[in-house]
PDB file of N, CA and C in Angstrom:
ATOM      1  N   MET A   1     -18.616 -29.224  13.342  1.00  0.00           N
ATOM      2  CA  MET A   1     -17.577 -30.067  12.810  1.00  0.00           C
ATOM      3  C   MET A   1     -16.249 -29.680  13.475  1.00  0.00           C
ATOM      4  N   ALA A   2     -15.594 -30.642  14.056  1.00  0.00           N
ATOM      5  CA  ALA A   2     -14.309 -30.389  14.716  1.00  0.00           C
ATOM      6  C   ALA A   2     -13.210 -30.302  13.665  1.00  0.00           C
ATOM      7  N   THR A   3     -12.256 -29.428  13.943  1.00  0.00           N
ATOM      8  CA  THR A   3     -11.135 -29.311  13.025  1.00  0.00           C
ATOM      9  C   THR A   3      -9.945 -30.065  13.579  1.00  0.00           C
ATOM     10  N   SER A   4      -9.134 -30.535  12.689  1.00  0.00           N
ATOM     11  CA  SER A   4      -7.930 -31.261  13.061  1.00  0.00           C
ATOM     12  C   SER A   4      -6.770 -30.279  13.173  1.00  0.00           C
ATOM     13  N   THR A   5      -5.934 -30.458  14.158  1.00  0.00           N
ATOM     14  CA  THR A   5      -4.767 -29.596  14.305  1.00  0.00           C
ATOM     15  C   THR A   5      -3.507 -30.431  14.362  1.00  0.00           C
ATOM     16  N   LYS A   6      -2.423 -29.816  13.969  1.00  0.00           N
ATOM     17  CA  LYS A   6      -1.103 -30.430  14.047  1.00  0.00           C
ATOM     18  C   LYS A   6      -0.165 -29.416  14.666  1.00  0.00           C
ATOM     19  N   SER A   7       0.943 -29.864  15.154  1.00  0.00           N
ATOM     20  CA  SER A   7       1.914 -28.943  15.735  1.00  0.00           C
ATOM     21  C   SER A   7       3.193 -28.949  14.917  1.00  0.00           C
ATOM     22  N   THR A   8       3.969 -27.893  15.098  1.00  0.00           N
ATOM     23  CA  THR A   8       5.260 -27.773  14.443  1.00  0.00           C
ATOM     24  C   THR A   8       6.212 -27.108  15.424  1.00  0.00           C
ATOM     25  N   THR A   9       7.466 -27.130  15.109  1.00  0.00           N
ATOM     26  CA  THR A   9       8.473 -26.503  15.959  1.00  0.00           C
ATOM     27  C   THR A   9       9.107 -25.343  15.217  1.00  0.00           C
ATOM     28  N   ILE A  10       9.231 -24.218  15.904  1.00  0.00           N
ATOM     29  CA  ILE A  10       9.917 -23.062  15.353  1.00  0.00           C
ATOM     30  C   ILE A  10      11.073 -22.745  16.289  1.00  0.00           C
ATOM     31  N   ARG A  11      12.229 -22.570  15.741  1.00  0.00           N
ATOM     32  CA  ARG A  11      13.392 -22.247  16.560  1.00  0.00           C
ATOM     33  C   ARG A  11      13.707 -20.763  16.417  1.00  0.00           C
ATOM     34  N   PHE A  12      13.902 -20.118  17.565  1.00  0.00           N
ATOM     35  CA  PHE A  12      14.255 -18.709  17.610  1.00  0.00           C
ATOM     36  C   PHE A  12      15.519 -18.526  18.428  1.00  0.00           C
ATOM     37  N   ASP A  13      16.261 -17.515  18.082  1.00  0.00           N
ATOM     38  CA  ASP A  13      17.367 -17.083  18.923  1.00  0.00           C
ATOM     39  C   ASP A  13      16.785 -16.745  20.296  1.00  0.00           C
ATOM     40  N   THR A  14      17.541 -16.988  21.342  1.00  0.00           N
ATOM     41  CA  THR A  14      17.061 -16.746  22.701  1.00  0.00           C
ATOM     42  C   THR A  14      16.568 -15.319  22.899  1.00  0.00           C
ATOM     43  N   ASN A  15      17.289 -14.351  22.371  1.00  0.00           N
ATOM     44  CA  ASN A  15      16.870 -12.951  22.518  1.00  0.00           C
ATOM     45  C   ASN A  15      15.532 -12.688  21.853  1.00  0.00           C
ATOM     46  N   VAL A  16      15.336 -13.242  20.670  1.00  0.00           N
ATOM     47  CA  VAL A  16      14.068 -13.066  19.961  1.00  0.00           C
ATOM     48  C   VAL A  16      12.941 -13.750  20.731  1.00  0.00           C
ATOM     49  N   LEU A  17      13.186 -14.943  21.211  1.00  0.00           N
ATOM     50  CA  LEU A  17      12.158 -15.660  21.961  1.00  0.00           C
ATOM     51  C   LEU A  17      11.780 -14.905  23.235  1.00  0.00           C
ATOM     52  N   ASN A  18      12.758 -14.325  23.900  1.00  0.00           N
ATOM     53  CA  ASN A  18      12.463 -13.519  25.082  1.00  0.00           C
ATOM     54  C   ASN A  18      11.590 -12.326  24.727  1.00  0.00           C
ATOM     55  N   LEU A  19      11.873 -11.676  23.600  1.00  0.00           N
ATOM     56  CA  LEU A  19      11.048 -10.548  23.151  1.00  0.00           C
ATOM     57  C   LEU A  19       9.621 -10.995  22.853  1.00  0.00           C
ATOM     58  N   ILE A  20       9.477 -12.141  22.223  1.00  0.00           N
ATOM     59  CA  ILE A  20       8.147 -12.682  21.920  1.00  0.00           C
ATOM     60  C   ILE A  20       7.375 -12.917  23.212  1.00  0.00           C
ATOM     61  N   HIS A  21       8.025 -13.528  24.184  1.00  0.00           N
ATOM     62  CA  HIS A  21       7.366 -13.805  25.466  1.00  0.00           C
ATOM     63  C   HIS A  21       6.961 -12.506  26.165  1.00  0.00           C
ATOM     64  N   LYS A  22       7.842 -11.524  26.164  1.00  0.00           N
ATOM     65  CA  LYS A  22       7.534 -10.253  26.809  1.00  0.00           C
ATOM     66  C   LYS A  22       6.376  -9.548  26.110  1.00  0.00           C
ATOM     67  N   GLN A  23       6.396  -9.529  24.780  1.00  0.00           N
ATOM     68  CA  GLN A  23       5.328  -8.859  24.035  1.00  0.00           C
ATOM     69  C   GLN A  23       4.005  -9.587  24.205  1.00  0.00           C
ATOM     70  N   ALA A  24       4.044 -10.903  24.187  1.00  0.00           N
ATOM     71  CA  ALA A  24       2.819 -11.678  24.393  1.00  0.00           C
ATOM     72  C   ALA A  24       2.222 -11.370  25.758  1.00  0.00           C
ATOM     73  N   GLU A  25       3.066 -11.293  26.768  1.00  0.00           N
ATOM     74  CA  GLU A  25       2.580 -10.972  28.111  1.00  0.00           C
ATOM     75  C   GLU A  25       1.958  -9.576  28.145  1.00  0.00           C
ATOM     76  N   LEU A  26       2.613  -8.608  27.503  1.00  0.00           N
ATOM     77  CA  LEU A  26       2.064  -7.254  27.443  1.00  0.00           C
ATOM     78  C   LEU A  26       0.704  -7.224  26.749  1.00  0.00           C
ATOM     79  N   ASP A  27       0.552  -8.071  25.734  1.00  0.00           N
ATOM     80  CA  ASP A  27      -0.699  -8.125  24.970  1.00  0.00           C
ATOM     81  C   ASP A  27      -1.740  -9.027  25.637  1.00  0.00           C
ATOM     82  N   GLY A  28      -1.375  -9.656  26.757  1.00  0.00           N
ATOM     83  CA  GLY A  28      -2.311 -10.537  27.455  1.00  0.00           C
ATOM     84  C   GLY A  28      -2.554 -11.844  26.742  1.00  0.00           C
ATOM     85  N   GLU A  29      -1.549 -12.307  26.010  1.00  0.00           N
ATOM     86  CA  GLU A  29      -1.673 -13.548  25.253  1.00  0.00           C
ATOM     87  C   GLU A  29      -0.585 -14.515  25.690  1.00  0.00           C
ATOM     88  N   THR A  30      -0.800 -15.773  25.386  1.00  0.00           N
ATOM     89  CA  THR A  30       0.274 -16.734  25.575  1.00  0.00           C
ATOM     90  C   THR A  30       1.252 -16.566  24.422  1.00  0.00           C
ATOM     91  N   PRO A  31       2.504 -16.946  24.611  1.00  0.00           N
ATOM     92  CA  PRO A  31       3.447 -16.875  23.487  1.00  0.00           C
ATOM     93  C   PRO A  31       2.966 -17.681  22.273  1.00  0.00           C
ATOM     94  N   THR A  32       2.346 -18.822  22.523  1.00  0.00           N
ATOM     95  CA  THR A  32       1.839 -19.642  21.414  1.00  0.00           C
ATOM     96  C   THR A  32       0.751 -18.898  20.643  1.00  0.00           C
ATOM     97  N   ASP A  33      -0.201 -18.311  21.359  1.00  0.00           N
ATOM     98  CA  ASP A  33      -1.266 -17.557  20.685  1.00  0.00           C
ATOM     99  C   ASP A  33      -0.706 -16.356  19.943  1.00  0.00           C
ATOM    100  N   TYR A  34       0.279 -15.694  20.541  1.00  0.00           N
ATOM    101  CA  TYR A  34       0.909 -14.533  19.912  1.00  0.00           C
ATOM    102  C   TYR A  34       1.559 -14.932  18.580  1.00  0.00           C
ATOM    103  N   MET A  35       2.317 -16.038  18.605  1.00  0.00           N
ATOM    104  CA  MET A  35       2.986 -16.486  17.373  1.00  0.00           C
ATOM    105  C   MET A  35       1.989 -16.993  16.345  1.00  0.00           C
ATOM    106  N   ARG A  36       0.956 -17.708  16.793  1.00  0.00           N
ATOM    107  CA  ARG A  36      -0.070 -18.205  15.873  1.00  0.00           C
ATOM    108  C   ARG A  36      -0.749 -17.034  15.161  1.00  0.00           C
ATOM    109  N   LYS A  37      -1.103 -16.010  15.941  1.00  0.00           N
ATOM    110  CA  LYS A  37      -1.752 -14.828  15.383  1.00  0.00           C
ATOM    111  C   LYS A  37      -0.853 -14.144  14.355  1.00  0.00           C
ATOM    112  N   ALA A  38       0.435 -14.035  14.657  1.00  0.00           N
ATOM    113  CA  ALA A  38       1.378 -13.396  13.733  1.00  0.00           C
ATOM    114  C   ALA A  38       1.480 -14.178  12.422  1.00  0.00           C
ATOM    115  N   VAL A  39       1.529 -15.493  12.518  1.00  0.00           N
ATOM    116  CA  VAL A  39       1.628 -16.321  11.308  1.00  0.00           C
ATOM    117  C   VAL A  39       0.349 -16.203  10.484  1.00  0.00           C
ATOM    118  N   LEU A  40      -0.803 -16.251  11.140  1.00  0.00           N
ATOM    119  CA  LEU A  40      -2.075 -16.148  10.413  1.00  0.00           C
ATOM    120  C   LEU A  40      -2.237 -14.786   9.747  1.00  0.00           C
ATOM    121  N   GLU A  41      -1.794 -13.716  10.410  1.00  0.00           N
ATOM    122  CA  GLU A  41      -1.851 -12.382   9.797  1.00  0.00           C
ATOM    123  C   GLU A  41      -0.944 -12.306   8.570  1.00  0.00           C
ATOM    124  N   LYS A  42       0.238 -12.879   8.670  1.00  0.00           N
ATOM    125  CA  LYS A  42       1.172 -12.899   7.532  1.00  0.00           C
ATOM    126  C   LYS A  42       0.561 -13.698   6.376  1.00  0.00           C
ATOM    127  N   LEU A  43      -0.046 -14.827   6.682  1.00  0.00           N
ATOM    128  CA  LEU A  43      -0.675 -15.652   5.656  1.00  0.00           C
ATOM    129  C   LEU A  43      -1.824 -14.899   4.989  1.00  0.00           C
ATOM    130  N   GLU A  44      -2.643 -14.227   5.783  1.00  0.00           N
ATOM    131  CA  GLU A  44      -3.754 -13.449   5.232  1.00  0.00           C
ATOM    132  C   GLU A  44      -3.239 -12.331   4.322  1.00  0.00           C
ATOM    133  N   ASP A  45      -2.184 -11.650   4.746  1.00  0.00           N
ATOM    134  CA  ASP A  45      -1.594 -10.590   3.914  1.00  0.00           C
ATOM    135  C   ASP A  45      -1.110 -11.149   2.580  1.00  0.00           C
ATOM    136  N   SER A  46      -0.468 -12.304   2.632  1.00  0.00           N
ATOM    137  CA  SER A  46       0.046 -12.923   1.411  1.00  0.00           C
ATOM    138  C   SER A  46      -1.093 -13.327   0.480  1.00  0.00           C
ATOM    139  N   LEU A  47      -2.145 -13.902   1.030  1.00  0.00           N
ATOM    140  CA  LEU A  47      -3.294 -14.297   0.210  1.00  0.00           C
ATOM    141  C   LEU A  47      -3.992 -13.074  -0.377  1.00  0.00           C
ATOM    142  N   ASP A  48      -4.103 -11.997   0.407  1.00  0.00           N
ATOM    143  CA  ASP A  48      -4.693 -10.757  -0.104  1.00  0.00           C
ATOM    144  C   ASP A  48      -3.869 -10.198  -1.260  1.00  0.00           C
ATOM    145  N   TYR A  49      -2.550 -10.244  -1.121  1.00  0.00           N
ATOM    146  CA  TYR A  49      -1.665  -9.757  -2.182  1.00  0.00           C
ATOM    147  C   TYR A  49      -1.842 -10.588  -3.452  1.00  0.00           C
ATOM    148  N   GLN A  50      -1.867 -11.915  -3.287  1.00  0.00           N
ATOM    149  CA  GLN A  50      -2.049 -12.791  -4.451  1.00  0.00           C
ATOM    150  C   GLN A  50      -3.388 -12.521  -5.128  1.00  0.00           C
ATOM    151  N   ASP A  51      -4.421 -12.288  -4.330  1.00  0.00           N
ATOM    152  CA  ASP A  51      -5.742 -11.976  -4.869  1.00  0.00           C
ATOM    153  C   ASP A  51      -5.707 -10.669  -5.656  1.00  0.00           C
ATOM    154  N   ALA A  52      -5.017  -9.662  -5.119  1.00  0.00           N
ATOM    155  CA  ALA A  52      -4.908  -8.375  -5.807  1.00  0.00           C
ATOM    156  C   ALA A  52      -4.168  -8.524  -7.131  1.00  0.00           C
ATOM    157  N   VAL A  53      -3.089  -9.270  -7.136  1.00  0.00           N
ATOM    158  CA  VAL A  53      -2.333  -9.499  -8.371  1.00  0.00           C
ATOM    159  C   VAL A  53      -3.211 -10.189  -9.407  1.00  0.00           C
ATOM    160  N   ASN A  54      -3.961 -11.194  -8.974  1.00  0.00           N
ATOM    161  CA  ASN A  54      -4.854 -11.901  -9.901  1.00  0.00           C
ATOM    162  C   ASN A  54      -5.930 -10.973 -10.453  1.00  0.00           C
ATOM    163  N   ASN A  55      -6.464 -10.095  -9.603  1.00  0.00           N
ATOM    164  CA  ASN A  55      -7.487  -9.151 -10.062  1.00  0.00           C
ATOM    165  C   ASN A  55      -6.919  -8.144 -11.060  1.00  0.00           C
ATOM    166  N   ILE A  56      -5.707  -7.672 -10.823  1.00  0.00           N
ATOM    167  CA  ILE A  56      -5.066  -6.739 -11.758  1.00  0.00           C
ATOM    168  C   ILE A  56      -4.824  -7.425 -13.094  1.00  0.00           C
ATOM    169  N   ARG A  57      -4.352  -8.670 -13.044  1.00  0.00           N
ATOM    170  CA  ARG A  57      -4.135  -9.414 -14.295  1.00  0.00           C
ATOM    171  C   ARG A  57      -5.448  -9.621 -15.037  1.00  0.00           C
ATOM    172  N   ALA A  58      -6.506  -9.963 -14.310  1.00  0.00           N
ATOM    173  CA  ALA A  58      -7.803 -10.214 -14.939  1.00  0.00           C
ATOM    174  C   ALA A  58      -8.380  -8.946 -15.551  1.00  0.00           C
ATOM    175  N   SER A  59      -8.073  -7.794 -14.956  1.00  0.00           N
ATOM    176  CA  SER A  59      -8.592  -6.527 -15.484  1.00  0.00           C
ATOM    177  C   SER A  59      -7.686  -5.944 -16.556  1.00  0.00           C
ATOM    178  N   GLN A  60      -6.623  -6.656 -16.861  1.00  0.00           N
ATOM    179  CA  GLN A  60      -5.629  -6.213 -17.851  1.00  0.00           C
ATOM    180  C   GLN A  60      -5.081  -4.838 -17.497  1.00  0.00           C
ATOM    181  N   GLY A  61      -4.945  -4.596 -16.199  1.00  0.00           N
ATOM    182  CA  GLY A  61      -4.341  -3.350 -15.736  1.00  0.00           C
ATOM    183  C   GLY A  61      -5.278  -2.165 -15.650  1.00  0.00           C
ATOM    184  N   GLN A  62      -6.539  -2.348 -16.050  1.00  0.00           N
ATOM    185  CA  GLN A  62      -7.485  -1.238 -15.970  1.00  0.00           C
ATOM    186  C   GLN A  62      -7.869  -1.014 -14.507  1.00  0.00           C
ATOM    187  N   THR A  63      -7.925   0.245 -14.117  1.00  0.00           N
ATOM    188  CA  THR A  63      -8.261   0.579 -12.740  1.00  0.00           C
ATOM    189  C   THR A  63      -9.419   1.554 -12.704  1.00  0.00           C
ATOM    190  N   VAL A  64      -9.998   1.703 -11.517  1.00  0.00           N
ATOM    191  CA  VAL A  64     -11.084   2.652 -11.294  1.00  0.00           C
ATOM    192  C   VAL A  64     -10.653   3.529 -10.124  1.00  0.00           C
ATOM    193  N   SER A  65     -10.836   4.821 -10.258  1.00  0.00           N
ATOM    194  CA  SER A  65     -10.417   5.731  -9.197  1.00  0.00           C
ATOM    195  C   SER A  65     -11.307   5.560  -7.965  1.00  0.00           C
ATOM    196  N   ARG A  66     -10.778   5.976  -6.849  1.00  0.00           N
ATOM    197  CA  ARG A  66     -11.536   5.925  -5.605  1.00  0.00           C
ATOM    198  C   ARG A  66     -12.795   6.771  -5.724  1.00  0.00           C
ATOM    199  N   ASP A  67     -12.688   7.932  -6.325  1.00  0.00           N
ATOM    200  CA  ASP A  67     -13.841   8.819  -6.508  1.00  0.00           C
ATOM    201  C   ASP A  67     -14.943   8.129  -7.324  1.00  0.00           C
ATOM    202  N   ASP A  68     -14.546   7.433  -8.395  1.00  0.00           N
ATOM    203  CA  ASP A  68     -15.532   6.739  -9.210  1.00  0.00           C
ATOM    204  C   ASP A  68     -16.225   5.622  -8.429  1.00  0.00           C
ATOM    205  N   VAL A  69     -15.458   4.907  -7.623  1.00  0.00           N
ATOM    206  CA  VAL A  69     -16.048   3.851  -6.796  1.00  0.00           C
ATOM    207  C   VAL A  69     -17.041   4.460  -5.804  1.00  0.00           C
ATOM    208  N   MET A  70     -16.655   5.546  -5.183  1.00  0.00           N
ATOM    209  CA  MET A  70     -17.539   6.212  -4.227  1.00  0.00           C
ATOM    210  C   MET A  70     -18.843   6.656  -4.910  1.00  0.00           C
ATOM    211  N   LYS A  71     -18.723   7.190  -6.123  1.00  0.00           N
ATOM    212  CA  LYS A  71     -19.910   7.608  -6.869  1.00  0.00           C
ATOM    213  C   LYS A  71     -20.805   6.412  -7.188  1.00  0.00           C
ATOM    214  N   GLN A  72     -20.183   5.305  -7.622  1.00  0.00           N
ATOM    215  CA  GLN A  72     -20.949   4.104  -7.959  1.00  0.00           C
ATOM    216  C   GLN A  72     -21.685   3.560  -6.730  1.00  0.00           C
ATOM    217  N   LEU A  73     -21.091   3.733  -5.567  1.00  0.00           N
ATOM    218  CA  LEU A  73     -21.699   3.256  -4.326  1.00  0.00           C
ATOM    219  C   LEU A  73     -22.656   4.275  -3.715  1.00  0.00           C
ATOM    220  N   GLY A  74     -22.734   5.465  -4.326  1.00  0.00           N
ATOM    221  CA  GLY A  74     -23.606   6.503  -3.814  1.00  0.00           C
ATOM    222  C   GLY A  74     -23.113   7.135  -2.515  1.00  0.00           C
ATOM    223  N   LEU A  75     -21.807   7.146  -2.351  1.00  0.00           N
ATOM    224  CA  LEU A  75     -21.231   7.723  -1.126  1.00  0.00           C
ATOM    225  C   LEU A  75     -20.581   9.064  -1.375  1.00  0.00           C
TER     226      LEU A  75
END
């Protein structure tokens, strides 16, 4: 199944854009791929945070220690 894509415009100060281009080149990426990757990582972090908050609320603040989790997993 093909996915649909759309484009958007992001405006950066010239100095910032130059840094993005230089870093993308160092990383062997195009500036577009570099920026796309950065946005997707930020989005993933935000979704992970929201998921954690929801899990804490659902557990009513009860937590399990790392040691207990390791024991439950047999590690």
